[in-house]
C-alpha cells in the first residue's frame, strides 16, 4: 500500500453537471431530509473497478474482524478499530498501520462501543483519534453515547480525553482528510442523523462544535433492511457500505452508496465484488486516503484463512475515479 501526500481542497472541488445516476446502478434511490450548503465537489464513480490496497493483514486482536477506518494524510497513518479479544464485547482496540499495511502500534479503549466508524485529526506529528465512548451496554450490543478525542500513544490507555456530544444514542464519526472535516452520525428522534463540521469550528476545551455545514437524515439504502457496515465523507458527499458476511461468492450482497450532503439524496448505489475470492468475506469500514496526489475511496473487508479458522484478516480495496 502506498499512501502519501496531502491533497488541497482546490484539487477536489470542481465544476460539473448535476450528479446523474450511472447506468447499471442497483437498488432504490431515496432521499432523507437535508439542510446544507456545502460547496459542491466531485464524487467517486462507483461503477469503476476496485483495486487492492492490501490483503491478509492480521491486526493486534487476532480473533476479531476489522471495523472502522480513518486516515491521517499529514502523517501517512491508517487507523483501524476492532473489538478486543477476550472482552465482554464493547472494549475496542485501535490499530495503527504504516504505508505498507504493517501494524505499527495499538491502543486499548474500555467500554467504548462497536467501532463501526472512527475518525482521526492530525495535529503536527501527532494523530488524535475520534471514537465512540461510554458504551450503552457492557456487551456486544453496546454502542457509544459520546465521542472521545485523545492523542494516539502506542501501547497506552487514552489520557487527556475530551468528550463531545454527550448523551447521544448510537454515535460514531468519520473524517475527511482532504477538507479537514468531521461527520457525526447518531440517532435523533429515532432517525439516524448526520452533521458535518469543519474542525476549525471545534472548541476542544468545552467539548463542542458550532455551525454545522450540513445536516441530513440518513436515506433509505436498497430495500431498507440492509446491514450497515461503515461510512466516510469527502467534500459534499457521504459514502456508505452495507452487506453481510458470506461463504459463497454467489451470495455477495455488499453495496457502496453515494449520498449528496446538500440534498440527502442517494445519487449512486452499486454492488461491489472487491475481494470476492476472500474466504468468509464481510464488508467492514470505509475511509478516504491519499496516495501520490490521488484521492481514494477505501472499503474494508474481513476474512478468514478457512471457514473453521479463528483468526480474522483485514483486507482493503479502493476506488479512485472522480467525476
Protein backbone atom coordinates (compact mmCIF):
# COMPACT_ATOMS: atom_id res chain seq x y z
CA UNK A 1 0.00 0.00 0.00
CA UNK A 2 1.31 3.41 -0.90
CA UNK A 3 -0.40 6.30 0.91
CA UNK A 4 1.19 9.72 0.78
CA UNK A 5 0.65 13.41 0.28
CA UNK A 6 -1.92 15.96 1.44
CA UNK A 7 -4.46 17.00 -1.19
CA UNK A 8 -5.75 20.56 -1.17
CA UNK A 9 -9.44 21.45 -1.27
CA UNK A 10 -8.89 23.10 -4.65
CA UNK A 11 -7.80 19.75 -6.07
CA UNK A 12 -11.14 18.20 -5.16
CA UNK A 13 -13.66 20.96 -5.81
CA UNK A 14 -14.56 21.37 -9.45
CA UNK A 15 -17.33 22.35 -11.79
CA UNK A 16 -19.59 19.66 -13.11
CA UNK A 17 -23.09 18.76 -14.12
CA UNK A 18 -25.66 17.60 -11.61
CA UNK A 19 -24.96 14.15 -10.21
CA UNK A 20 -26.59 11.69 -12.61
CA UNK A 21 -27.48 8.11 -11.93
CA UNK A 22 -25.00 5.76 -13.57
CA UNK A 23 -26.35 3.09 -15.88
CA UNK A 24 -26.37 -0.19 -14.00
CA UNK A 25 -26.95 1.30 -10.56
CA UNK A 26 -28.71 -1.15 -8.27
CA UNK A 27 -31.38 -0.53 -5.68
CA UNK A 28 -33.99 2.09 -4.91
CA UNK A 29 -32.61 5.63 -4.63
CA UNK A 30 -34.26 7.76 -1.99
CA UNK A 31 -33.66 11.00 -0.13
CA UNK A 32 -33.53 11.96 3.52
CA UNK A 33 -34.29 15.39 4.95
CA UNK A 34 -31.40 17.81 4.40
CA UNK A 35 -30.30 21.28 5.48
CA UNK A 36 -26.96 22.21 3.95
CA UNK A 37 -24.88 24.46 1.77
CA UNK A 38 -21.65 22.52 1.29
CA UNK A 39 -19.58 23.68 -1.72
CA UNK A 40 -20.24 21.15 -4.47
CA UNK A 41 -17.37 18.77 -5.20
CA UNK A 42 -16.62 15.87 -7.48
CA UNK A 43 -17.64 12.37 -6.41
CA UNK A 44 -16.34 8.85 -6.90
CA UNK A 45 -17.62 6.83 -9.84
CA UNK A 46 -18.84 3.74 -8.01
CA UNK A 47 -19.24 1.80 -11.26
CA UNK A 48 -15.46 1.70 -11.81
CA UNK A 49 -13.36 -1.30 -10.71
CA UNK A 50 -11.83 -1.57 -7.26
CA UNK A 51 -8.10 -2.09 -6.69
CA UNK A 52 -6.15 -3.86 -3.95
CA UNK A 53 -4.59 -1.79 -1.19
CA UNK A 54 -3.62 -4.77 0.97
CA UNK A 55 -4.86 -8.26 1.81
CA UNK A 56 -4.42 -10.70 4.66
CA UNK A 57 -3.27 -8.34 7.42
CA UNK A 58 -3.53 -9.77 10.93
CA UNK A 59 -4.38 -6.95 13.33
CA UNK A 60 -3.39 -6.76 17.01
CA UNK A 61 -6.56 -8.57 18.11
CA UNK A 62 -6.25 -11.72 16.01
CA UNK A 63 -9.70 -13.15 16.59
CA UNK A 64 -11.88 -10.14 15.79
CA UNK A 65 -12.79 -8.55 12.47
CA UNK A 66 -11.74 -5.06 11.47
CA UNK A 67 -14.42 -2.40 11.94
CA UNK A 68 -13.96 1.32 11.19
CA UNK A 69 -11.03 3.03 9.41
CA UNK A 70 -9.58 6.55 9.35
CA UNK A 71 -6.54 8.10 7.64
CA UNK A 72 -4.11 10.77 8.82
CA UNK A 73 -2.99 12.25 5.50
CA UNK A 74 -0.34 14.53 7.01
CA UNK A 75 1.48 11.74 8.82
CA UNK A 76 0.55 8.89 6.44
CA UNK A 77 -1.06 6.69 9.07
CA UNK A 78 -4.08 4.44 8.72
CA UNK A 79 -6.06 3.55 11.84
CA UNK A 80 -8.40 0.55 12.09
CA UNK A 81 -10.70 -0.27 15.00
CA UNK A 82 -11.77 -3.73 16.16
CA UNK A 83 -13.24 -5.38 19.24
CA UNK A 84 -10.75 -6.77 21.73
CA UNK A 85 -10.08 -10.49 22.08
CA UNK A 86 -11.50 -11.85 25.32
CA UNK A 87 -13.52 -8.72 26.11
CA UNK A 88 -17.19 -8.53 27.00
CA UNK A 89 -17.92 -7.02 23.58
CA UNK A 90 -17.72 -3.24 23.92
CA UNK A 91 -13.96 -2.86 24.52
CA UNK A 92 -12.04 -1.71 21.44
CA UNK A 93 -8.53 -1.78 20.03
CA UNK A 94 -7.29 0.96 17.70
CA UNK A 95 -4.58 -0.31 15.33
CA UNK A 96 -2.04 1.99 13.66
CA UNK A 97 -0.72 0.89 10.26
CA UNK A 98 2.09 2.33 8.14
CA UNK A 99 2.20 2.94 4.39
CA UNK A 100 2.92 -0.72 3.67
CA UNK A 101 -0.08 -2.02 5.64
CA UNK A 102 2.07 -3.16 8.57
CA UNK A 103 0.67 -2.77 12.09
CA UNK A 104 2.98 -0.36 13.96
CA UNK A 105 1.04 0.22 17.17
CA UNK A 106 -2.21 -0.10 19.06
CA UNK A 107 -4.28 1.36 21.88
CA UNK A 108 -6.98 -0.23 24.04
CA UNK A 109 -10.19 1.65 24.87
CA UNK A 110 -12.50 0.24 27.53
CA UNK A 111 -16.32 0.42 27.47
CA UNK A 112 -16.30 2.18 24.09
CA UNK A 113 -18.90 0.57 21.79
CA UNK A 114 -18.70 -1.29 18.49
CA UNK A 115 -16.27 0.82 16.43
CA UNK A 116 -18.26 0.81 13.17
CA UNK A 117 -16.61 4.08 12.14
CA UNK A 118 -13.83 6.21 13.63
CA UNK A 119 -12.02 9.45 12.81
CA UNK A 120 -8.54 10.91 13.07
CA UNK A 121 -7.35 14.50 13.35
CA UNK A 122 -3.69 15.31 12.61
CA UNK A 123 -2.01 17.88 14.85
CA UNK A 124 1.60 18.35 13.81
CA UNK A 125 3.29 14.97 14.10
CA UNK A 126 0.54 13.65 16.40
CA UNK A 127 -2.65 11.83 15.46
CA UNK A 128 -5.77 12.46 17.56
CA UNK A 129 -8.30 9.64 17.48
CA UNK A 130 -12.06 10.22 17.44
CA UNK A 131 -14.08 7.20 18.58
CA UNK A 132 -17.32 6.43 20.38
CA UNK A 133 -17.17 6.00 24.16
CA UNK A 134 -19.29 5.42 27.27
CA UNK A 135 -21.00 2.39 25.78
CA UNK A 136 -24.69 1.88 26.38
CA UNK A 137 -24.15 -1.75 27.37
CA UNK A 138 -21.20 -3.83 28.55
CA UNK A 139 -21.60 -6.45 25.81
CA UNK A 140 -21.70 -6.82 22.03
CA UNK A 141 -24.90 -4.77 21.80
CA UNK A 142 -23.21 -1.73 23.37
CA UNK A 143 -22.98 1.46 21.32
CA UNK A 144 -21.36 4.78 22.13
CA UNK A 145 -23.22 7.60 23.89
CA UNK A 146 -20.50 10.22 23.30
CA UNK A 147 -17.40 10.80 21.18
CA UNK A 148 -13.93 10.70 22.72
CA UNK A 149 -10.92 12.62 21.35
CA UNK A 150 -7.40 11.71 22.50
CA UNK A 151 -3.83 11.56 21.23
CA UNK A 152 -2.73 8.19 19.90
CA UNK A 153 0.11 6.87 22.07
CA UNK A 154 1.26 3.37 21.22
CA UNK A 155 0.58 0.79 23.92
CA UNK A 156 -1.11 3.23 26.29
CA UNK A 157 -4.65 3.75 27.51
CA UNK A 158 -6.20 7.10 26.48
CA UNK A 159 -5.31 10.12 28.58
CA UNK A 160 -6.33 13.76 28.40
CA UNK A 161 -9.61 12.61 26.84
CA UNK A 162 -12.07 15.24 25.62
CA UNK A 163 -15.69 14.16 25.18
CA UNK A 164 -18.20 15.56 22.70
CA UNK A 165 -21.94 15.09 22.07
CA UNK A 166 -22.57 13.54 25.48
CA UNK A 167 -25.92 11.84 25.95
CA UNK A 168 -26.11 10.68 22.33
CA UNK A 169 -27.53 7.40 21.11
CA UNK A 170 -25.51 5.12 18.80
CA UNK A 171 -22.96 7.81 17.92
CA UNK A 172 -19.98 7.37 15.57
CA UNK A 173 -17.96 9.61 13.27
CA UNK A 174 -15.88 9.75 10.09
CA UNK A 175 -13.28 12.29 8.98
CA UNK A 176 -12.49 13.96 5.66
CA UNK A 177 -8.67 14.26 5.48
CA UNK A 178 -8.80 16.45 2.35
CA UNK A 179 -11.14 19.14 3.66
CA UNK A 180 -10.33 18.72 7.39
CA UNK A 181 -13.88 17.96 8.45
CA UNK A 182 -15.70 15.53 10.73
CA UNK A 183 -19.07 13.89 10.09
CA UNK A 184 -21.12 12.87 13.13
CA UNK A 185 -23.73 10.10 12.85
CA UNK A 186 -26.17 9.42 15.68
CA UNK A 187 -29.83 8.76 16.33
CA UNK A 188 -32.01 11.82 16.77
CA UNK A 189 -35.75 11.39 17.33
CA UNK A 190 -35.40 7.77 16.27
CA UNK A 191 -33.68 8.52 12.95
CA UNK A 192 -30.00 8.32 12.06
CA UNK A 193 -28.90 11.90 11.50
CA UNK A 194 -25.57 13.10 10.11
CA UNK A 195 -24.00 16.51 10.74
CA UNK A 196 -20.86 17.77 9.01
CA UNK A 197 -18.46 20.17 10.75
CA UNK A 198 -15.19 21.90 9.94
CA UNK A 199 -12.53 21.07 12.51
CA UNK A 200 -11.98 24.84 12.74
CA UNK A 201 -15.41 25.12 14.42
CA UNK A 202 -14.33 22.86 17.30
CA UNK A 203 -13.95 24.11 20.87
CA UNK A 204 -11.98 21.27 22.45
CA UNK A 205 -11.97 22.90 25.86
CA UNK A 206 -15.75 22.92 26.06
CA UNK A 207 -16.30 19.76 24.01
CA UNK A 208 -18.46 21.48 21.41
CA UNK A 209 -18.77 22.22 17.70
CA UNK A 210 -20.61 25.17 16.18
CA UNK A 211 -22.20 25.93 12.82
CA UNK A 212 -22.65 22.57 11.05
CA UNK A 213 -22.06 22.70 7.31
CA UNK A 214 -24.72 20.08 6.67
CA UNK A 215 -27.42 18.09 8.41
CA UNK A 216 -29.25 15.17 6.80
CA UNK A 217 -31.28 12.22 7.94
CA UNK A 218 -29.84 9.00 6.57
CA UNK A 219 -31.79 8.00 3.45
CA UNK A 220 -33.16 4.55 2.77
CA UNK A 221 -30.49 2.28 1.31
CA UNK A 222 -31.50 -0.53 -1.04
CA UNK A 223 -34.56 -2.33 0.28
CA UNK A 224 -34.27 -0.62 3.64
CA UNK A 225 -33.28 -3.75 5.60
CA UNK A 226 -29.55 -3.70 4.83
CA UNK A 227 -26.74 -4.43 7.32
CA UNK A 228 -24.96 -1.08 7.71
CA UNK A 229 -21.17 -1.64 7.83
CA UNK A 230 -19.48 1.76 7.62
CA UNK A 231 -19.29 5.20 6.06
CA UNK A 232 -16.93 8.02 5.17
CA UNK A 233 -17.06 11.54 3.76
CA UNK A 234 -15.30 13.53 1.04
CA UNK A 235 -16.32 17.06 0.10
CA UNK A 236 -20.07 17.28 -0.41
CA UNK A 237 -20.71 13.52 -0.48
CA UNK A 238 -21.29 10.76 2.07
CA UNK A 239 -20.31 7.20 1.16
CA UNK A 240 -21.79 4.13 2.87
CA UNK A 241 -21.04 0.40 2.86
CA UNK A 242 -23.57 -2.32 3.65
CA UNK A 243 -23.86 -6.08 3.33
CA UNK A 244 -23.37 -9.38 5.12
CA UNK A 245 -20.65 -11.97 5.53
CA UNK A 246 -20.85 -14.92 3.17
CA UNK A 247 -19.08 -18.18 2.37
CA UNK A 248 -20.19 -18.40 -1.27
CA UNK A 249 -19.21 -15.61 -3.74
CA UNK A 250 -22.63 -16.13 -5.33
CA UNK A 251 -24.16 -14.69 -2.14
CA UNK A 252 -22.35 -11.33 -2.32
CA UNK A 253 -24.74 -8.57 -1.23
CA UNK A 254 -22.24 -5.80 -0.40
CA UNK A 255 -23.14 -2.37 -1.76
CA UNK A 256 -21.46 1.01 -1.73
CA UNK A 257 -23.66 4.10 -1.96
CA UNK A 258 -23.08 7.81 -2.50
CA UNK A 259 -25.31 10.41 -0.82
CA UNK A 260 -25.41 14.13 -1.62
CA UNK A 261 -24.97 16.02 1.67
CA UNK A 262 -26.76 19.04 0.24
CA UNK A 263 -29.95 17.20 -0.66
CA UNK A 264 -29.89 13.95 1.33
CA UNK A 265 -30.43 12.06 -1.95
CA UNK A 266 -28.77 8.75 -2.84
CA UNK A 267 -27.17 9.58 -6.19
CA UNK A 268 -25.39 6.26 -6.80
CA UNK A 269 -25.51 2.72 -5.45
CA UNK A 270 -23.57 -0.26 -6.78
CA UNK A 271 -22.84 -3.80 -5.69
CA UNK A 272 -19.13 -4.26 -5.04
CA UNK A 273 -17.38 -7.58 -5.60
CA UNK A 274 -14.00 -6.33 -4.40
CA UNK A 275 -12.12 -9.23 -2.82
CA UNK A 276 -14.74 -11.72 -3.97
CA UNK A 277 -12.26 -14.61 -3.62
CA UNK A 278 -11.76 -13.98 0.12
CA UNK A 279 -12.92 -16.73 2.48
CA UNK A 280 -15.94 -15.60 4.51
CA UNK A 281 -15.74 -12.07 3.11
CA UNK A 282 -17.60 -9.47 5.19
CA UNK A 283 -17.74 -5.71 4.48
CA UNK A 284 -16.25 -3.68 7.33
CA UNK A 285 -15.47 0.04 7.33
CA UNK A 286 -14.63 2.88 4.93
CA UNK A 287 -12.06 5.68 4.76
CA UNK A 288 -10.72 8.34 2.42
CA UNK A 289 -6.98 8.10 1.78
CA UNK A 290 -4.47 9.84 -0.49
CA UNK A 291 -1.58 8.41 -2.47
CA UNK A 292 0.80 10.29 -4.75
CA UNK A 293 -1.71 13.09 -5.36
CA UNK A 294 -4.59 10.66 -5.88
CA UNK A 295 -7.68 10.61 -3.66
CA UNK A 296 -9.09 7.16 -2.89
CA UNK A 297 -12.29 5.70 -1.51
CA UNK A 298 -11.29 2.74 0.65
CA UNK A 299 -13.52 -0.20 1.57
CA UNK A 300 -12.62 -2.80 4.19
CA UNK A 301 -13.47 -6.49 4.22
CA UNK A 302 -12.79 -9.03 6.95
CA UNK A 303 -11.88 -12.61 6.00
CA UNK A 304 -10.68 -15.95 7.35
CA UNK A 305 -8.00 -18.34 6.14
CA UNK A 306 -10.66 -21.07 6.10
CA UNK A 307 -14.21 -21.32 7.40
CA UNK A 308 -13.09 -23.10 10.58
CA UNK A 309 -10.12 -20.79 11.22
CA UNK A 310 -10.50 -18.46 14.21
CA UNK A 311 -8.19 -15.64 13.05
CA UNK A 312 -9.77 -12.72 11.18
CA UNK A 313 -7.82 -10.83 8.50
CA UNK A 314 -8.11 -7.23 7.33
CA UNK A 315 -8.34 -6.52 3.60
CA UNK A 316 -8.69 -3.09 1.99
CA UNK A 317 -9.60 -2.11 -1.57
CA UNK A 318 -10.06 1.29 -3.20
CA UNK A 319 -11.80 3.17 -5.98
CA UNK A 320 -10.01 6.17 -7.47
CA UNK A 321 -12.06 7.69 -10.32
CA UNK A 322 -13.68 11.04 -9.57
CA UNK A 323 -16.42 12.50 -11.76
